[in-house]
Protein backbone atom coordinates (compact mmCIF):
# COMPACT_ATOMS: atom_id res chain seq x y z
CA MET A 1 130.40 189.44 -77.17
CA SER A 2 128.76 192.40 -78.90
CA GLU A 3 127.03 192.05 -82.25
CA ARG A 4 126.81 195.26 -84.26
CA VAL A 5 123.67 195.71 -86.30
CA LYS A 6 123.67 197.66 -89.54
CA PRO A 7 121.54 200.82 -89.14
CA VAL A 8 118.82 201.75 -91.56
CA PRO A 9 119.39 204.82 -93.76
CA ASP A 10 118.45 208.08 -92.04
CA ASN A 11 115.90 209.73 -94.33
CA ALA A 12 113.20 211.07 -92.09
CA ALA A 13 111.87 213.58 -94.59
CA GLY A 14 111.35 210.84 -97.16
CA ALA A 15 109.70 208.67 -94.53
CA ALA A 16 107.24 211.42 -93.72
CA GLU A 17 106.26 211.65 -97.39
CA SER A 18 105.59 207.90 -97.49
CA GLY A 19 103.64 207.94 -94.24
CA ALA A 20 100.49 206.10 -93.32
CA GLN A 21 98.33 208.71 -94.98
CA ARG A 22 98.90 210.98 -97.96
CA SER A 23 98.09 214.68 -97.80
CA ASN A 24 95.01 214.03 -99.95
CA GLY A 25 93.67 211.67 -97.29
CA THR A 26 94.19 208.39 -99.12
CA ALA A 27 95.66 205.65 -96.98
CA ILE A 28 99.02 204.04 -97.69
CA ARG A 29 99.52 200.44 -96.64
CA PRO A 30 102.51 200.22 -94.27
CA ARG A 31 105.51 198.18 -95.40
CA ILE A 32 105.81 195.30 -92.94
CA ASP A 33 108.53 192.63 -92.98
CA ARG A 34 107.82 189.88 -90.44
CA SER A 35 110.62 187.60 -91.60
CA ALA A 36 112.47 187.79 -88.27
CA VAL A 37 109.41 187.41 -86.03
CA ASP A 38 109.07 184.11 -84.20
CA GLU A 39 105.55 183.96 -82.80
CA ASN A 40 106.39 180.79 -80.85
CA ARG A 41 108.78 182.65 -78.56
CA TYR A 42 105.76 184.27 -76.87
CA GLU A 43 104.97 180.91 -75.31
CA LYS A 44 108.40 180.59 -73.67
CA HIS A 45 108.88 183.51 -71.31
CA GLY A 46 107.30 183.00 -67.92
CA GLY A 47 104.32 185.13 -67.07
CA PHE A 48 104.42 187.43 -70.11
CA PRO A 49 101.27 186.55 -72.03
CA LYS A 50 100.91 186.20 -75.76
CA VAL A 51 99.09 189.25 -77.12
CA SER A 52 96.69 188.47 -79.93
CA ARG A 53 95.36 190.94 -82.47
CA ALA A 54 91.86 192.20 -81.64
CA ARG A 55 89.03 191.76 -84.09
CA ILE A 56 87.12 195.03 -84.02
CA GLY A 57 83.87 196.24 -85.53
CA SER A 58 83.34 199.37 -87.57
CA ASN A 59 82.54 201.59 -84.58
CA PHE A 60 85.58 201.05 -82.36
CA GLY A 61 88.02 203.17 -84.38
CA PRO A 62 85.69 206.19 -84.60
CA PHE A 63 84.90 205.76 -80.89
CA VAL A 64 88.59 205.97 -79.97
CA ASP A 65 89.06 208.99 -82.24
CA ALA A 66 86.10 210.73 -80.62
CA MET A 67 87.55 210.03 -77.18
CA ARG A 68 90.86 211.57 -78.27
CA THR A 69 88.97 214.68 -79.36
CA LEU A 70 87.30 214.78 -75.94
CA GLN A 71 90.75 214.62 -74.33
CA ASP A 72 91.84 217.59 -76.44
CA LEU A 73 88.73 219.53 -75.48
CA ALA A 74 89.01 218.65 -71.79
CA VAL A 75 92.37 220.44 -71.58
CA SER A 76 91.57 223.35 -73.89
CA VAL A 77 87.99 224.60 -73.49
CA ASP A 78 87.07 227.72 -71.53
CA ALA A 79 83.34 227.21 -71.00
CA PRO A 80 80.77 228.57 -68.56
CA ASP A 81 80.36 226.47 -65.43
CA GLU A 82 76.88 225.33 -66.50
CA VAL A 83 78.41 223.89 -69.69
CA PHE A 84 80.91 221.93 -67.60
CA GLY A 85 77.99 220.71 -65.51
CA GLU A 86 76.16 219.50 -68.62
CA ALA A 87 79.33 217.83 -69.89
CA LEU A 88 79.82 216.18 -66.50
CA ALA A 89 76.35 214.69 -66.67
CA LYS A 90 77.02 213.31 -70.15
CA ALA A 91 80.40 211.94 -69.06
CA ARG A 92 78.78 210.15 -66.14
CA GLU A 93 76.12 208.79 -68.47
CA LEU A 94 78.81 207.47 -70.80
CA ALA A 95 80.71 205.91 -67.91
CA GLU A 96 77.51 204.22 -66.74
CA LEU A 97 76.95 202.86 -70.25
CA LEU A 98 80.45 201.39 -70.51
CA GLU A 99 81.04 200.18 -66.93
CA PRO A 100 79.24 196.79 -67.34
CA TYR A 101 81.68 195.93 -70.13
CA ARG A 102 84.90 196.54 -68.17
CA ALA A 103 87.25 193.69 -69.13
CA PRO A 104 90.60 192.34 -67.92
CA GLU A 105 93.88 192.96 -69.73
CA LEU A 106 94.14 191.37 -73.18
CA GLN A 107 90.40 190.94 -73.51
CA GLY A 108 89.34 194.42 -74.61
CA PRO A 109 90.45 195.74 -78.01
CA ALA A 110 92.38 198.77 -76.72
CA GLY A 111 96.09 198.23 -77.34
CA ARG A 112 95.44 195.22 -79.59
CA ALA A 113 93.77 196.93 -82.57
CA VAL A 114 97.00 197.09 -84.54
CA GLU A 115 95.43 198.73 -87.58
CA LEU A 116 94.45 201.84 -85.59
CA PRO A 117 96.66 204.77 -84.55
CA GLY A 118 98.20 203.94 -81.19
CA ARG A 119 96.75 200.42 -81.56
CA GLY A 120 93.45 201.81 -80.35
CA SER A 121 94.77 202.75 -76.90
CA LEU A 122 94.19 206.22 -75.46
CA LEU A 123 97.40 205.84 -73.46
CA LEU A 124 99.54 205.44 -76.56
CA LEU A 125 100.19 208.26 -79.00
CA PRO A 126 98.00 208.08 -82.14
CA TRP A 127 100.85 207.43 -84.56
CA GLN A 128 100.87 205.10 -87.55
CA VAL A 129 103.55 202.66 -88.68
CA VAL A 130 105.01 203.52 -92.09
CA SER A 131 107.46 200.62 -92.26
CA ALA A 132 108.59 197.87 -89.90
CA GLY A 133 111.03 195.02 -90.19
CA PRO A 134 114.33 193.58 -88.94
CA ASP A 135 116.19 196.78 -89.92
CA GLY A 136 113.98 199.09 -87.90
CA ILE A 137 110.68 200.94 -87.68
CA THR A 138 109.42 204.28 -88.97
CA MET A 139 106.24 205.90 -87.67
CA THR A 140 104.55 209.18 -88.47
CA GLY A 141 102.07 211.25 -86.50
CA GLU A 142 101.57 214.38 -84.47
CA PHE A 143 101.26 215.52 -80.88
CA ARG A 144 97.75 216.83 -80.18
CA ARG A 145 96.51 219.58 -77.87
CA PHE A 146 96.12 216.96 -75.13
CA HIS A 147 99.92 216.60 -75.17
CA LEU A 148 100.64 220.31 -74.58
CA GLY A 149 103.40 221.08 -72.12
CA GLY A 150 103.49 224.85 -72.52
CA ASN A 151 104.01 227.66 -75.02
CA GLY A 152 102.94 225.52 -77.98
CA ALA A 153 105.35 222.66 -77.26
CA ALA A 154 104.65 219.01 -76.57
CA HIS A 155 105.13 218.02 -72.93
CA GLY A 156 108.58 216.58 -72.39
CA GLY A 157 107.08 213.53 -70.72
CA VAL A 158 105.26 212.32 -73.83
CA LEU A 159 108.45 211.91 -75.88
CA PRO A 160 109.74 209.02 -73.72
CA LEU A 161 106.30 207.41 -74.07
CA LEU A 162 106.62 207.57 -77.85
CA PHE A 163 110.17 206.24 -77.80
CA ASP A 164 109.44 203.47 -75.29
CA ASP A 165 106.53 202.13 -77.35
CA LEU A 166 108.77 202.24 -80.42
CA LEU A 167 111.49 200.26 -78.61
CA GLY A 168 109.09 197.43 -77.86
CA MET A 169 108.03 197.17 -81.49
CA ILE A 170 111.64 197.29 -82.71
CA VAL A 171 112.55 194.33 -80.48
CA HIS A 172 109.57 192.40 -81.85
CA TYR A 173 110.26 192.98 -85.54
CA ALA A 174 114.00 192.40 -85.08
CA GLY A 175 113.17 188.89 -83.88
CA ARG A 176 114.70 189.46 -80.47
CA PRO A 177 113.36 187.62 -77.39
CA ILE A 178 110.60 189.21 -75.30
CA SER A 179 112.21 192.04 -73.35
CA ARG A 180 111.43 194.91 -71.02
CA THR A 181 112.93 198.40 -70.90
CA ALA A 182 115.97 198.64 -68.63
CA TYR A 183 116.74 202.27 -69.39
CA LEU A 184 115.71 204.99 -71.81
CA HIS A 185 117.87 208.09 -72.27
CA VAL A 186 116.26 210.95 -74.22
CA ASN A 187 118.10 213.98 -75.58
CA TYR A 188 115.83 216.97 -76.24
CA ARG A 189 117.40 218.80 -79.17
CA LYS A 190 114.67 221.27 -80.16
CA VAL A 191 111.17 222.23 -79.05
CA THR A 192 108.70 219.62 -80.30
CA PRO A 193 105.64 221.34 -81.82
CA LEU A 194 102.00 220.33 -81.58
CA GLU A 195 99.73 219.50 -84.53
CA ARG A 196 102.51 219.11 -87.08
CA THR A 197 103.41 215.91 -88.91
CA LEU A 198 106.54 214.38 -87.40
CA THR A 199 108.49 211.18 -88.02
CA VAL A 200 110.20 208.84 -85.57
CA CYS A 201 112.68 206.21 -86.75
CA GLY A 202 114.54 203.60 -84.73
CA ARG A 203 116.59 200.45 -85.09
CA VAL A 204 118.68 197.93 -83.17
CA ASP A 205 122.14 199.38 -82.63
CA ARG A 206 123.88 196.37 -81.09
CA ILE A 207 123.22 193.13 -79.23
CA GLU A 208 125.07 191.85 -76.17
CA GLY A 209 123.64 188.55 -74.97
CA ARG A 210 120.26 189.29 -73.38
CA LYS A 211 120.69 193.01 -74.03
CA THR A 212 119.35 194.82 -77.09
CA PHE A 213 120.54 198.41 -77.49
CA ILE A 214 118.30 200.62 -79.62
CA THR A 215 118.66 204.13 -81.02
CA ALA A 216 115.92 206.36 -82.42
CA GLU A 217 115.31 209.90 -83.66
CA LEU A 218 112.32 212.22 -83.85
CA ARG A 219 112.32 214.69 -86.75
CA ASP A 220 110.05 217.33 -88.24
CA GLU A 221 108.88 217.63 -91.85
CA GLN A 222 112.10 219.42 -92.82
CA GLY A 223 114.19 216.60 -91.37
CA ASP A 224 115.41 218.68 -88.40
CA LEU A 225 116.25 216.60 -85.33
CA LEU A 226 113.90 217.32 -82.42
CA ALA A 227 114.95 214.54 -80.04
CA ASP A 228 116.88 211.29 -80.03
CA CYS A 229 117.27 208.43 -77.62
CA GLU A 230 119.17 205.32 -76.68
CA GLY A 231 117.33 202.52 -74.95
CA LEU A 232 118.28 199.18 -73.47
CA MET A 233 115.85 196.28 -73.69
CA VAL A 234 116.70 193.18 -71.63
CA GLN A 235 115.42 189.70 -72.42
CA LEU A 236 113.07 188.31 -69.80
CA LEU A 237 114.14 185.18 -67.99
CA PRO A 238 111.65 182.28 -67.99
CA TRP A 239 110.21 183.16 -64.56
CA GLN A 240 109.99 186.94 -65.09
CA PRO A 241 106.61 188.53 -65.98
């Protein structure tokens, strides 16, 4: 039995205008509808742990942002070798400072600081949620220099990362059971530029038992389609991690 789910209106340009931050720098509170979310279902699915929101201090967000800038610089600078040597020494000093605080999964704030771009994780793309609810999710953001593939375009491998993270959030806000990605098919329609505000929107397309099929699109500020995807999320069985 397949249950069709009504798609949200496709208005990416409008979504970009109502993004997480206005052009004048003032923040916009994202529109979140948690009416379909059942927090108790996180206690019912085998080894998949319940992820709690991290409580962070005032320095963690700027720290993550500075580390993102360092990632950009690491792949873009053309410095004398002695400058790389000095940077290496500072990097080793920073690693030595942080090493005693290495923590297991779900203890550190990275990935659990939901109010930060990319939830405070350097792995995830630094995008912000504009709206989220049972009908779908819209996020806005940009690909940075760190994400360069070549000739000014974002690397093709970072688009599936963006879509896959979106799929997980869509399942959550749609009130579906805890699931993992079974497949993700991405269509690359146009070159995806760096350092330009883009919008990604996705929603549940249909439900078939344990299967949740999701569609999503990535668009530029003019509303032109850059990429789209279909993904399948499958509900975990009680013994599956």
